[in-house]
C-alpha atoms as a PDB file:
ATOM      1  CA  MET A   1     -28.038  -2.131  55.446  1.00  0.00           C
ATOM      2  CA  SER A   2     -31.477  -1.575  53.854  1.00  0.00           C
ATOM      3  CA  ALA A   3     -30.544   2.146  53.249  1.00  0.00           C
ATOM      4  CA  ILE A   4     -27.015   1.361  51.787  1.00  0.00           C
ATOM      5  CA  GLU A   5     -28.875  -1.359  49.522  1.00  0.00           C
ATOM      6  CA  ASN A   6     -31.560   1.173  48.472  1.00  0.00           C
ATOM      7  CA  THR A   7     -28.757   3.747  47.633  1.00  0.00           C
ATOM      8  CA  GLU A   8     -26.725   1.030  45.290  1.00  0.00           C
ATOM      9  CA  THR A   9     -30.229  -0.011  43.542  1.00  0.00           C
ATOM     10  CA  LEU A  10     -30.938   3.528  43.001  1.00  0.00           C
ATOM     11  CA  LYS A  11     -27.168   4.181  41.673  1.00  0.00           C
ATOM     12  CA  HIS A  12     -27.336   1.089  39.345  1.00  0.00           C
ATOM     13  CA  GLU A  13     -31.038   2.272  38.020  1.00  0.00           C
ATOM     14  CA  LEU A  14     -29.744   5.615  37.194  1.00  0.00           C
ATOM     15  CA  THR A  15     -26.504   4.298  35.677  1.00  0.00           C
ATOM     16  CA  THR A  16     -28.769   1.949  33.398  1.00  0.00           C
ATOM     17  CA  GLU A  17     -31.060   5.012  32.591  1.00  0.00           C
ATOM     18  CA  VAL A  18     -28.114   7.305  31.356  1.00  0.00           C
ATOM     19  CA  ASP A  19     -26.635   4.337  29.425  1.00  0.00           C
ATOM     20  CA  SER A  20     -30.203   3.747  27.878  1.00  0.00           C
ATOM     21  CA  LEU A  21     -30.501   7.801  27.102  1.00  0.00           C
ATOM     22  CA  LYS A  22     -26.873   7.964  25.610  1.00  0.00           C
ATOM     23  CA  HIS A  23     -27.645   4.871  23.186  1.00  0.00           C
ATOM     24  CA  GLU A  24     -30.935   6.606  22.418  1.00  0.00           C
ATOM     25  CA  MET A  25     -29.043   9.988  21.623  1.00  0.00           C
ATOM     26  CA  GLU A  26     -26.529   8.076  19.545  1.00  0.00           C
ATOM     27  CA  GLU A  27     -29.340   6.717  17.456  1.00  0.00           C
ATOM     28  CA  THR A  28     -31.082   9.851  16.939  1.00  0.00           C
ATOM     29  CA  VAL A  29     -27.847  11.316  15.945  1.00  0.00           C
ATOM     30  CA  HIS A  30     -27.046   8.822  13.278  1.00  0.00           C
ATOM     31  CA  LYS A  31     -30.700   8.878  12.087  1.00  0.00           C
ATOM     32  CA  GLU A  32     -30.427  12.711  11.712  1.00  0.00           C
ATOM     33  CA  ALA A  33     -26.795  12.943  10.389  1.00  0.00           C
ATOM     34  CA  SER A  34     -26.295  13.916   6.883  1.00  0.00           C
ATOM     35  CA  PRO A  35     -26.117  11.128   4.330  1.00  0.00           C
ATOM     36  CA  VAL A  36     -22.446  11.835   3.694  1.00  0.00           C
ATOM     37  CA  THR A  37     -21.466  11.403   7.522  1.00  0.00           C
ATOM     38  CA  GLN A  38     -23.517   8.170   7.442  1.00  0.00           C
ATOM     39  CA  ILE A  39     -21.521   6.988   4.591  1.00  0.00           C
ATOM     40  CA  LEU A  40     -18.420   7.892   6.401  1.00  0.00           C
ATOM     41  CA  ASN A  41     -19.443   6.014   9.547  1.00  0.00           C
ATOM     42  CA  ASP A  42     -20.399   2.641   7.380  1.00  0.00           C
ATOM     43  CA  LEU A  43     -17.198   2.669   5.496  1.00  0.00           C
ATOM     44  CA  GLY A  44     -14.892   3.036   8.458  1.00  0.00           C
ATOM     45  CA  ASP A  45     -13.553   0.099  10.652  1.00  0.00           C
ATOM     46  CA  HIS A  46     -16.054  -1.312  13.231  1.00  0.00           C
ATOM     47  CA  GLU A  47     -17.444  -4.594  14.901  1.00  0.00           C
ATOM     48  CA  GLU A  48     -19.833  -5.687  12.363  1.00  0.00           C
ATOM     49  CA  PHE A  49     -19.672  -6.714   8.766  1.00  0.00           C
ATOM     50  CA  SER A  50     -21.160  -4.337   6.234  1.00  0.00           C
ATOM     51  CA  TYR A  51     -21.086  -4.262   2.685  1.00  0.00           C
ATOM     52  CA  GLY A  52     -22.862  -1.144   1.210  1.00  0.00           C
ATOM     53  CA  ILE A  53     -26.236  -0.759   2.836  1.00  0.00           C
ATOM     54  CA  TRP A  54     -26.079  -4.407   4.132  1.00  0.00           C
ATOM     55  CA  HIS A  55     -25.023  -4.956   7.810  1.00  0.00           C
ATOM     56  CA  ALA A  56     -24.425  -8.162   9.559  1.00  0.00           C
ATOM     57  CA  ASP A  57     -23.728  -8.529  12.893  1.00  0.00           C
ATOM     58  CA  ILE A  58     -21.729 -11.514  12.617  1.00  0.00           C
ATOM     59  CA  LEU A  59     -18.238 -10.645  13.595  1.00  0.00           C
ATOM     60  CA  PRO A  60     -16.940 -12.222  16.891  1.00  0.00           C
ATOM     61  CA  VAL A  61     -15.683  -9.860  19.566  1.00  0.00           C
ATOM     62  CA  ILE A  62     -12.281 -10.715  21.511  1.00  0.00           C
ATOM     63  CA  LEU A  63     -11.274  -8.626  24.456  1.00  0.00           C
ATOM     64  CA  TYR A  64      -8.434  -8.979  26.841  1.00  0.00           C
ATOM     65  CA  ASP A  65      -9.295  -7.077  29.927  1.00  0.00           C
ATOM     66  CA  LYS A  66      -7.892  -7.305  33.671  1.00  0.00           C
ATOM     67  CA  GLY A  67      -5.902 -10.371  33.136  1.00  0.00           C
ATOM     68  CA  GLN A  68      -8.873 -12.501  31.300  1.00  0.00           C
ATOM     69  CA  PHE A  69      -9.988 -13.192  27.652  1.00  0.00           C
ATOM     70  CA  HIS A  70     -13.502 -12.284  26.983  1.00  0.00           C
ATOM     71  CA  PHE A  71     -15.205 -13.994  23.558  1.00  0.00           C
ATOM     72  CA  TYR A  72     -18.605 -13.136  22.029  1.00  0.00           C
ATOM     73  CA  GLY A  73     -20.148 -14.435  19.357  1.00  0.00           C
ATOM     74  CA  ASN A  74     -21.165 -10.842  18.241  1.00  0.00           C
ATOM     75  CA  ARG A  75     -21.800  -7.093  19.165  1.00  0.00           C
ATOM     76  CA  SER A  76     -24.907  -7.615  20.253  1.00  0.00           C
ATOM     77  CA  SER A  77     -24.145 -10.701  22.657  1.00  0.00           C
ATOM     78  CA  MET A  78     -21.469  -8.586  23.929  1.00  0.00           C
ATOM     79  CA  GLU A  79     -23.802  -5.873  24.692  1.00  0.00           C
ATOM     80  CA  ASP A  80     -26.400  -8.425  26.418  1.00  0.00           C
ATOM     81  CA  SER A  81     -23.708  -9.440  28.877  1.00  0.00           C
ATOM     82  CA  GLY A  82     -23.696  -6.111  30.546  1.00  0.00           C
ATOM     83  CA  ASP A  83     -20.084  -5.799  30.734  1.00  0.00           C
ATOM     84  CA  TYR A  84     -19.253  -3.823  27.816  1.00  0.00           C
ATOM     85  CA  VAL A  85     -21.154  -1.229  25.669  1.00  0.00           C
ATOM     86  CA  MET A  86     -20.623   0.522  22.427  1.00  0.00           C
ATOM     87  CA  VAL A  87     -19.796   4.323  22.589  1.00  0.00           C
ATOM     88  CA  HIS A  88     -18.916   6.145  19.495  1.00  0.00           C
ATOM     89  CA  HIS A  89     -18.174   3.019  17.908  1.00  0.00           C
ATOM     90  CA  HIS A  90     -15.657   1.967  20.465  1.00  0.00           C
ATOM     91  CA  ILE A  91     -16.158  -0.715  23.006  1.00  0.00           C
ATOM     92  CA  VAL A  92     -15.688   0.442  26.358  1.00  0.00           C
ATOM     93  CA  ARG A  93     -16.489  -1.034  29.905  1.00  0.00           C
ATOM     94  CA  ALA A  94     -20.147  -0.652  30.976  1.00  0.00           C
ATOM     95  CA  SER A  95     -19.126   0.390  34.616  1.00  0.00           C
ATOM     96  CA  ASN A  96     -16.726   3.316  34.027  1.00  0.00           C
ATOM     97  CA  HIS A  97     -16.903   3.650  30.126  1.00  0.00           C
ATOM     98  CA  GLU A  98     -13.028   3.070  29.869  1.00  0.00           C
ATOM     99  CA  ALA A  99     -11.610   0.979  26.933  1.00  0.00           C
ATOM    100  CA  PRO A 100     -10.526  -2.509  27.740  1.00  0.00           C
ATOM    101  CA  ASP A 101      -6.737  -3.293  27.906  1.00  0.00           C
ATOM    102  CA  LEU A 102      -6.785  -4.969  24.592  1.00  0.00           C
ATOM    103  CA  ASN A 103      -9.108  -5.321  21.617  1.00  0.00           C
ATOM    104  CA  LEU A 104      -8.499  -8.362  19.431  1.00  0.00           C
ATOM    105  CA  SER A 105     -12.038  -8.255  17.733  1.00  0.00           C
ATOM    106  CA  ILE A 106     -12.415  -9.544  14.048  1.00  0.00           C
ATOM    107  CA  THR A 107     -13.211  -6.013  12.477  1.00  0.00           C
ATOM    108  CA  ASN A 108     -14.961  -5.351   9.343  1.00  0.00           C
ATOM    109  CA  MET A 109     -11.485  -4.625   7.589  1.00  0.00           C
ATOM    110  CA  VAL A 110     -10.132  -7.963   8.737  1.00  0.00           C
ATOM    111  CA  ALA A 111     -13.202  -9.592   7.454  1.00  0.00           C
ATOM    112  CA  PHE A 112     -12.392  -7.916   3.820  1.00  0.00           C
ATOM    113  CA  GLN A 113      -8.648  -9.269   4.207  1.00  0.00           C
ATOM    114  CA  TRP A 114      -9.887 -12.698   4.623  1.00  0.00           C
ATOM    115  CA  MET A 115     -12.402 -12.307   1.752  1.00  0.00           C
ATOM    116  CA  ALA A 116      -9.240 -11.212  -0.324  1.00  0.00           C
ATOM    117  CA  MET A 117      -7.283 -14.404   1.060  1.00  0.00           C
ATOM    118  CA  ILE A 118     -10.294 -16.779   0.114  1.00  0.00           C
ATOM    119  CA  LEU A 119     -10.563 -15.281  -3.335  1.00  0.00           C
ATOM    120  CA  LEU A 120      -6.804 -15.731  -3.980  1.00  0.00           C
ATOM    121  CA  LEU A 121      -6.955 -19.243  -2.907  1.00  0.00           C
ATOM    122  CA  VAL A 122      -9.698 -19.993  -5.012  1.00  0.00           C
ATOM    123  CA  LEU A 123      -8.074 -18.134  -8.069  1.00  0.00           C
ATOM    124  CA  PHE A 124      -4.684 -19.994  -7.656  1.00  0.00           C
ATOM    125  CA  PHE A 125      -6.192 -23.567  -6.999  1.00  0.00           C
ATOM    126  CA  THR A 126      -8.521 -23.116 -10.216  1.00  0.00           C
ATOM    127  CA  ALA A 127      -5.399 -22.259 -12.162  1.00  0.00           C
ATOM    128  CA  SER A 128      -3.329 -25.039 -10.636  1.00  0.00           C
ATOM    129  CA  LYS A 129      -5.829 -27.571 -11.711  1.00  0.00           C
ATOM    130  CA  LYS A 130      -6.203 -25.828 -15.360  1.00  0.00           C
ATOM    131  CA  ALA A 131      -2.241 -26.323 -15.479  1.00  0.00           C
ATOM    132  CA  LYS A 132      -2.294 -29.904 -14.522  1.00  0.00           C
ATOM    133  CA  LYS A 133      -5.173 -30.659 -16.771  1.00  0.00           C
ATOM    134  CA  SER A 134      -3.853 -28.828 -19.960  1.00  0.00           C
ATOM    135  CA  GLY A 135      -0.363 -30.215 -19.909  1.00  0.00           C
ATOM    136  CA  GLU A 136       1.801 -29.141 -22.661  1.00  0.00           C
ATOM    137  CA  LYS A 137      -1.002 -26.878 -24.161  1.00  0.00           C
ATOM    138  CA  ALA A 138      -0.743 -23.217 -23.973  1.00  0.00           C
ATOM    139  CA  PRO A 139      -2.498 -21.663 -20.781  1.00  0.00           C
ATOM    140  CA  SER A 140      -5.850 -19.882 -21.291  1.00  0.00           C
ATOM    141  CA  GLY A 141      -8.472 -18.038 -19.142  1.00  0.00           C
ATOM    142  CA  ILE A 142      -7.584 -17.669 -15.588  1.00  0.00           C
ATOM    143  CA  HIS A 143      -4.509 -19.716 -16.030  1.00  0.00           C
ATOM    144  CA  ASN A 144      -3.007 -17.614 -18.651  1.00  0.00           C
ATOM    145  CA  LEU A 145      -3.869 -14.367 -16.228  1.00  0.00           C
ATOM    146  CA  LEU A 146      -2.164 -15.721 -13.235  1.00  0.00           C
ATOM    147  CA  GLU A 147       0.886 -17.080 -15.176  1.00  0.00           C
ATOM    148  CA  SER A 148       1.406 -13.643 -16.774  1.00  0.00           C
ATOM    149  CA  ILE A 149       1.492 -12.061 -13.474  1.00  0.00           C
ATOM    150  CA  VAL A 150       3.886 -14.432 -12.089  1.00  0.00           C
ATOM    151  CA  VAL A 151       6.143 -14.151 -15.125  1.00  0.00           C
ATOM    152  CA  PHE A 152       6.014 -10.449 -14.653  1.00  0.00           C
ATOM    153  CA  ILE A 153       6.614 -10.478 -10.933  1.00  0.00           C
ATOM    154  CA  ARG A 154       9.635 -12.798 -11.463  1.00  0.00           C
ATOM    155  CA  ASP A 155      11.226 -11.048 -14.708  1.00  0.00           C
ATOM    156  CA  ASP A 156      10.422  -7.432 -13.962  1.00  0.00           C
ATOM    157  CA  VAL A 157      10.233  -7.082 -10.095  1.00  0.00           C
ATOM    158  CA  VAL A 158      12.271  -9.691  -8.313  1.00  0.00           C
ATOM    159  CA  GLN A 159      15.529 -11.046 -10.725  1.00  0.00           C
ATOM    160  CA  PRO A 160      16.434  -7.417 -11.609  1.00  0.00           C
ATOM    161  CA  ASN A 161      16.672  -6.568  -8.014  1.00  0.00           C
ATOM    162  CA  ILE A 162      17.551  -9.762  -6.138  1.00  0.00           C
ATOM    163  CA  ALA A 163      20.119 -12.071  -7.791  1.00  0.00           C
ATOM    164  CA  GLY A 164      20.905 -15.707  -6.999  1.00  0.00           C
ATOM    165  CA  ASN A 165      19.117 -18.242  -5.025  1.00  0.00           C
ATOM    166  CA  ALA A 166      17.494 -15.437  -2.824  1.00  0.00           C
ATOM    167  CA  GLY A 167      15.413 -14.082  -5.641  1.00  0.00           C
ATOM    168  CA  VAL A 168      14.042 -17.740  -6.156  1.00  0.00           C
ATOM    169  CA  ARG A 169      13.201 -18.433  -2.741  1.00  0.00           C
ATOM    170  CA  LEU A 170      11.396 -14.877  -2.206  1.00  0.00           C
ATOM    171  CA  LEU A 171       9.484 -15.146  -5.521  1.00  0.00           C
ATOM    172  CA  PRO A 172       6.193 -16.520  -3.658  1.00  0.00           C
ATOM    173  CA  TYR A 173       6.452 -13.992  -1.029  1.00  0.00           C
ATOM    174  CA  PHE A 174       6.474 -11.102  -3.660  1.00  0.00           C
ATOM    175  CA  LEU A 175       3.994 -12.774  -5.672  1.00  0.00           C
ATOM    176  CA  VAL A 176       1.800 -13.063  -2.798  1.00  0.00           C
ATOM    177  CA  LEU A 177       2.330  -9.595  -1.651  1.00  0.00           C
ATOM    178  CA  PHE A 178       1.504  -7.940  -5.049  1.00  0.00           C
ATOM    179  CA  MET A 179      -1.711 -10.114  -5.329  1.00  0.00           C
ATOM    180  CA  PHE A 180      -2.800  -9.260  -1.892  1.00  0.00           C
ATOM    181  CA  ILE A 181      -2.560  -5.726  -1.943  1.00  0.00           C
ATOM    182  CA  LEU A 182      -3.974  -5.565  -5.698  1.00  0.00           C
ATOM    183  CA  VAL A 183      -7.154  -7.680  -4.588  1.00  0.00           C
ATOM    184  CA  LEU A 184      -7.709  -5.298  -1.778  1.00  0.00           C
ATOM    185  CA  ASN A 185      -7.595  -2.387  -3.699  1.00  0.00           C
ATOM    186  CA  LEU A 186      -9.867  -3.675  -6.059  1.00  0.00           C
ATOM    187  CA  ILE A 187     -12.390  -4.895  -3.446  1.00  0.00           C
ATOM    188  CA  GLY A 188     -12.508  -1.250  -2.063  1.00  0.00           C
ATOM    189  CA  LEU A 189     -13.632   0.218  -5.715  1.00  0.00           C
ATOM    190  CA  LEU A 190     -16.575  -2.027  -5.833  1.00  0.00           C
ATOM    191  CA  PRO A 191     -19.971  -0.329  -4.846  1.00  0.00           C
ATOM    192  CA  GLY A 192     -20.121  -0.606  -1.245  1.00  0.00           C
ATOM    193  CA  GLY A 193     -16.975  -2.171  -0.854  1.00  0.00           C
ATOM    194  CA  HIS A 194     -14.181  -1.166   1.852  1.00  0.00           C
ATOM    195  CA  THR A 195     -10.531  -0.469   0.949  1.00  0.00           C
ATOM    196  CA  ALA A 196      -8.775  -2.358   3.800  1.00  0.00           C
ATOM    197  CA  THR A 197      -5.330  -0.642   2.219  1.00  0.00           C
ATOM    198  CA  GLY A 198      -7.009   2.365   3.132  1.00  0.00           C
ATOM    199  CA  THR A 199      -6.211   1.853   6.980  1.00  0.00           C
ATOM    200  CA  ILE A 200      -2.881   2.382   8.766  1.00  0.00           C
ATOM    201  CA  GLY A 201      -3.216  -0.719  10.491  1.00  0.00           C
ATOM    202  CA  VAL A 202      -3.150  -2.879   7.449  1.00  0.00           C
ATOM    203  CA  THR A 203      -0.405  -0.912   5.607  1.00  0.00           C
ATOM    204  CA  ALA A 204       1.690  -0.769   8.602  1.00  0.00           C
ATOM    205  CA  ALA A 205       1.467  -4.679   9.028  1.00  0.00           C
ATOM    206  CA  LEU A 206       2.406  -5.299   5.524  1.00  0.00           C
ATOM    207  CA  ALA A 207       5.744  -3.024   5.829  1.00  0.00           C
ATOM    208  CA  ILE A 208       6.614  -4.914   9.189  1.00  0.00           C
ATOM    209  CA  THR A 209       6.860  -8.134   7.298  1.00  0.00           C
ATOM    210  CA  ALA A 210       8.649  -6.347   4.549  1.00  0.00           C
ATOM    211  CA  PHE A 211      11.072  -5.331   7.523  1.00  0.00           C
ATOM    212  CA  PHE A 212      11.624  -8.629   8.641  1.00  0.00           C
ATOM    213  CA  VAL A 213      12.038 -10.056   5.131  1.00  0.00           C
ATOM    214  CA  ILE A 214      14.897  -7.629   4.261  1.00  0.00           C
ATOM    215  CA  ASN A 215      16.830  -7.960   7.342  1.00  0.00           C
ATOM    216  CA  TYR A 216      16.316 -11.851   7.546  1.00  0.00           C
ATOM    217  CA  THR A 217      17.394 -12.153   3.877  1.00  0.00           C
ATOM    218  CA  ALA A 218      20.440  -9.856   4.413  1.00  0.00           C
ATOM    219  CA  ILE A 219      21.455 -12.064   7.512  1.00  0.00           C
ATOM    220  CA  LYS A 220      20.838 -15.033   5.733  1.00  0.00           C
ATOM    221  CA  GLU A 221      22.988 -14.340   2.756  1.00  0.00           C
ATOM    222  CA  SER A 222      25.841 -12.363   4.111  1.00  0.00           C
ATOM    223  CA  GLY A 223      25.758 -13.678   7.920  1.00  0.00           C
ATOM    224  CA  ILE A 224      25.189 -12.077  11.104  1.00  0.00           C
ATOM    225  CA  LYS A 225      28.563 -10.470  11.580  1.00  0.00           C
ATOM    226  CA  ALA A 226      28.561  -8.665   8.019  1.00  0.00           C
ATOM    227  CA  TRP A 227      24.940  -7.512   9.070  1.00  0.00           C
ATOM    228  CA  PHE A 228      26.405  -5.923  12.304  1.00  0.00           C
ATOM    229  CA  HIS A 229      29.449  -4.542  10.490  1.00  0.00           C
ATOM    230  CA  HIS A 230      27.217  -2.804   8.082  1.00  0.00           C
ATOM    231  CA  LEU A 231      25.768  -0.577  10.901  1.00  0.00           C
ATOM    232  CA  LEU A 232      29.181   1.234  10.484  1.00  0.00           C
ATOM    233  CA  GLY A 233      27.885   2.280   6.887  1.00  0.00           C
ATOM    234  CA  GLY A 234      31.438   1.598   5.532  1.00  0.00           C
ATOM    235  CA  ALA A 235      32.932   4.356   7.883  1.00  0.00           C
ATOM    236  CA  PRO A 236      35.702   3.637  10.354  1.00  0.00           C
ATOM    237  CA  TRP A 237      35.014   2.285  13.623  1.00  0.00           C
ATOM    238  CA  TRP A 238      35.467   5.565  15.503  1.00  0.00           C
ATOM    239  CA  LEU A 239      32.440   7.031  13.588  1.00  0.00           C
ATOM    240  CA  GLY A 240      30.257   4.218  14.856  1.00  0.00           C
ATOM    241  CA  ILE A 241      28.708   6.465  17.418  1.00  0.00           C
ATOM    242  CA  LEU A 242      27.550   8.737  14.452  1.00  0.00           C
ATOM    243  CA  MET A 243      26.822   6.054  11.906  1.00  0.00           C
ATOM    244  CA  ILE A 244      25.004   3.308  13.891  1.00  0.00           C
ATOM    245  CA  PRO A 245      22.016   5.497  14.932  1.00  0.00           C
ATOM    246  CA  ILE A 246      21.873   6.802  11.193  1.00  0.00           C
ATOM    247  CA  GLU A 247      21.734   3.137   9.931  1.00  0.00           C
ATOM    248  CA  ILE A 248      19.625   1.955  12.426  1.00  0.00           C
ATOM    249  CA  ALA A 249      17.098   4.907  11.539  1.00  0.00           C
ATOM    250  CA  SER A 250      17.446   4.116   7.897  1.00  0.00           C
ATOM    251  CA  MET A 251      16.239   0.566   8.646  1.00  0.00           C
ATOM    252  CA  PHE A 252      12.937   1.708  10.119  1.00  0.00           C
ATOM    253  CA  ILE A 253      12.488   4.565   7.959  1.00  0.00           C
ATOM    254  CA  LYS A 254      12.153   2.146   4.732  1.00  0.00           C
ATOM    255  CA  PRO A 255       9.161   0.211   6.146  1.00  0.00           C
ATOM    256  CA  PHE A 256       7.795   3.642   7.563  1.00  0.00           C
ATOM    257  CA  SER A 257       7.768   5.149   3.903  1.00  0.00           C
ATOM    258  CA  LEU A 258       5.901   1.855   2.516  1.00  0.00           C
ATOM    259  CA  THR A 259       3.390   2.317   5.090  1.00  0.00           C
ATOM    260  CA  ILE A 260       2.465   5.954   4.401  1.00  0.00           C
ATOM    261  CA  ARG A 261       3.060   5.738   1.019  1.00  0.00           C
ATOM    262  CA  LEU A 262       0.568   2.949   0.336  1.00  0.00           C
ATOM    263  CA  PHE A 263      -2.001   4.202   2.947  1.00  0.00           C
ATOM    264  CA  ALA A 264      -1.965   8.029   1.600  1.00  0.00           C
ATOM    265  CA  ASN A 265      -2.478   7.331  -1.897  1.00  0.00           C
ATOM    266  CA  MET A 266      -5.395   4.736  -1.415  1.00  0.00           C
ATOM    267  CA  VAL A 267      -6.875   7.418   1.169  1.00  0.00           C
ATOM    268  CA  ALA A 268      -6.413  10.311  -1.261  1.00  0.00           C
ATOM    269  CA  GLY A 269      -8.810   9.049  -4.121  1.00  0.00           C
ATOM    270  CA  HIS A 270     -11.467   8.319  -1.770  1.00  0.00           C
ATOM    271  CA  THR A 271     -11.526  11.525  -0.236  1.00  0.00           C
ATOM    272  CA  VAL A 272     -11.987  13.304  -3.576  1.00  0.00           C
ATOM    273  CA  LEU A 273     -14.718  11.205  -4.174  1.00  0.00           C
ATOM    274  CA  PHE A 274     -16.374  11.874  -0.653  1.00  0.00           C
ATOM    275  CA  SER A 275     -15.858  15.668  -1.485  1.00  0.00           C
ATOM    276  CA  LEU A 276     -17.742  15.536  -4.876  1.00  0.00           C
ATOM    277  CA  MET A 277     -20.267  13.405  -2.987  1.00  0.00           C
ATOM    278  CA  GLY A 278     -20.655  16.208  -0.518  1.00  0.00           C
ATOM    279  CA  LEU A 279     -20.975  18.819  -3.315  1.00  0.00           C
ATOM    280  CA  LEU A 280     -24.119  16.824  -4.593  1.00  0.00           C
ATOM    281  CA  PHE A 281     -25.669  16.967  -1.110  1.00  0.00           C
ATOM    282  CA  LEU A 282     -24.889  20.676  -0.644  1.00  0.00           C
ATOM    283  CA  PHE A 283     -26.140  22.045  -3.780  1.00  0.00           C
ATOM    284  CA  GLN A 284     -28.965  19.542  -4.779  1.00  0.00           C
ATOM    285  CA  SER A 285     -29.135  20.620  -8.275  1.00  0.00           C
ATOM    286  CA  TYR A 286     -29.238  18.615 -11.474  1.00  0.00           C
ATOM    287  CA  PHE A 287     -27.081  21.165 -13.309  1.00  0.00           C
ATOM    288  CA  VAL A 288     -24.286  20.581 -10.594  1.00  0.00           C
ATOM    289  CA  ALA A 289     -24.960  16.981 -10.657  1.00  0.00           C
ATOM    290  CA  VAL A 290     -24.174  16.100 -14.277  1.00  0.00           C
ATOM    291  CA  PRO A 291     -20.599  17.470 -14.084  1.00  0.00           C
ATOM    292  CA  ILE A 292     -19.838  16.223 -10.717  1.00  0.00           C
ATOM    293  CA  VAL A 293     -20.987  12.899 -11.840  1.00  0.00           C
ATOM    294  CA  GLY A 294     -18.629  13.089 -14.753  1.00  0.00           C
ATOM    295  CA  PHE A 295     -15.823  13.919 -12.609  1.00  0.00           C
ATOM    296  CA  ALA A 296     -16.258  11.270  -9.976  1.00  0.00           C
ATOM    297  CA  THR A 297     -16.578   8.796 -12.909  1.00  0.00           C
ATOM    298  CA  PHE A 298     -12.910   9.911 -14.027  1.00  0.00           C
ATOM    299  CA  ILE A 299     -11.809   9.873 -10.713  1.00  0.00           C
ATOM    300  CA  ASN A 300     -13.075   6.308  -9.993  1.00  0.00           C
ATOM    301  CA  LEU A 301     -11.206   5.290 -13.183  1.00  0.00           C
ATOM    302  CA  LEU A 302      -7.993   6.780 -12.084  1.00  0.00           C
ATOM    303  CA  GLU A 303      -8.318   4.879  -8.678  1.00  0.00           C
ATOM    304  CA  LEU A 304      -8.424   1.780 -10.643  1.00  0.00           C
ATOM    305  CA  LEU A 305      -5.203   2.894 -12.316  1.00  0.00           C
ATOM    306  CA  VAL A 306      -3.785   3.623  -8.868  1.00  0.00           C
ATOM    307  CA  ALA A 307      -4.768   0.162  -7.505  1.00  0.00           C
ATOM    308  CA  PHE A 308      -2.662  -1.603  -9.772  1.00  0.00           C
ATOM    309  CA  LEU A 309       0.290   0.951  -9.650  1.00  0.00           C
ATOM    310  CA  GLN A 310       0.434   1.144  -5.756  1.00  0.00           C
ATOM    311  CA  ALA A 311       0.454  -2.717  -5.491  1.00  0.00           C
ATOM    312  CA  TYR A 312       3.394  -2.558  -7.944  1.00  0.00           C
ATOM    313  CA  ILE A 313       5.199   0.297  -6.287  1.00  0.00           C
ATOM    314  CA  PHE A 314       4.983  -1.493  -2.869  1.00  0.00           C
ATOM    315  CA  THR A 315       6.155  -4.600  -4.094  1.00  0.00           C
ATOM    316  CA  MET A 316       9.014  -3.076  -6.391  1.00  0.00           C
ATOM    317  CA  LEU A 317      10.163  -1.069  -3.552  1.00  0.00           C
ATOM    318  CA  THR A 318      10.306  -3.987  -0.912  1.00  0.00           C
ATOM    319  CA  ALA A 319      12.108  -5.929  -3.687  1.00  0.00           C
ATOM    320  CA  ILE A 320      14.888  -2.916  -4.321  1.00  0.00           C
ATOM    321  CA  PHE A 321      15.298  -2.757  -0.481  1.00  0.00           C
ATOM    322  CA  VAL A 322      15.936  -6.515  -0.285  1.00  0.00           C
ATOM    323  CA  GLY A 323      18.321  -6.167  -2.970  1.00  0.00           C
ATOM    324  CA  LEU A 324      20.314  -3.294  -1.564  1.00  0.00           C
ATOM    325  CA  ALA A 325      20.382  -4.969   1.708  1.00  0.00           C
ATOM    326  CA  ILE A 326      22.213  -8.161   0.328  1.00  0.00           C
ATOM    327  CA  GLY A 327      24.234  -6.019  -1.880  1.00  0.00           C
ATOM    328  CA  GLU A 328      25.339  -3.910   0.751  1.00  0.00           C
ATOM    329  CA  HIS A 329      26.060  -6.796   3.323  1.00  0.00           C
ATOM    330  CA  SER A 330      27.504  -8.742   0.964  1.00  0.00           C
ATOM    331  CA  HIS A 331      29.976  -6.001   0.241  1.00  0.00           C
ATOM    332  CA  GLU A 332      30.904  -5.607   3.834  1.00  0.00           C
ATOM    333  CA  HIS A 333      31.251  -9.626   4.020  1.00  0.00           C
ATOM    334  CA  ALA A 334      33.848  -9.396   1.158  1.00  0.00           C
ATOM    335  CA  HIS A 335      35.691  -6.920   2.976  1.00  0.00           C
END
């Protein structure tokens, strides 16, 4: 038994030593990496809050593994527990370096979404208080700005595409959708900020909510019978074997297109800026730096336009899809 215990002890010491060496190698690679690589690593999604050069290990780690939930106050406390470690910015089991069954941790991008939510709540509560105090007076300041946005979404996005009571009921959804995407886009343009809409998970979640809003509204307005009948696409019943798969595919293609469009457009401008940054470190010349900085400034201003434009396009397309679904299903309901 002593020999077995010695073997197990030696094995544990070797494993600990290997993990320590790997951690030191990762730190060395991170220190020796190019500035562009370090910036890309910092701007990615990870289990610590970072804004520019400021990093704070304050985000909770929540894991579901082997039928149990594991809660840790932050990444450091997780590693101190000895159950899990970080390898190449991913959480893995310390025993076999395999990923846990489900990672529900609060990541950096989630934190930036919370920041956007808090900012929107503060803005709208402030505008609401000003509106109550001003009474019949003309709105001003933040009250005037938000009221202009509300009127714009109502008159130019919702009402032209969604008629009747459905448009009135869905106005808060489209207003929040537009403002949430816009604020996330603008936060990403701040120095050191992160663009949450530049991650496929965030855009996919927004598109999934749009998918449920589109189909729920169509069912509510026209009835479940008309919704199923629409799967024929207006064709005779004997063409159902061909039309139903096509109609079901189109239902999922719409949110998929919303996901990719917002994600790709937000990533594209940042990719151009990173490429220009890479040229600065490549040439390391003042003669090259002047035109590159000028062009990067132009791209950044263009990104400001894109931030507003993409929020508008996502909201407008969702409203169009809802209007089309109501119209098509209402047509089937009338028949």
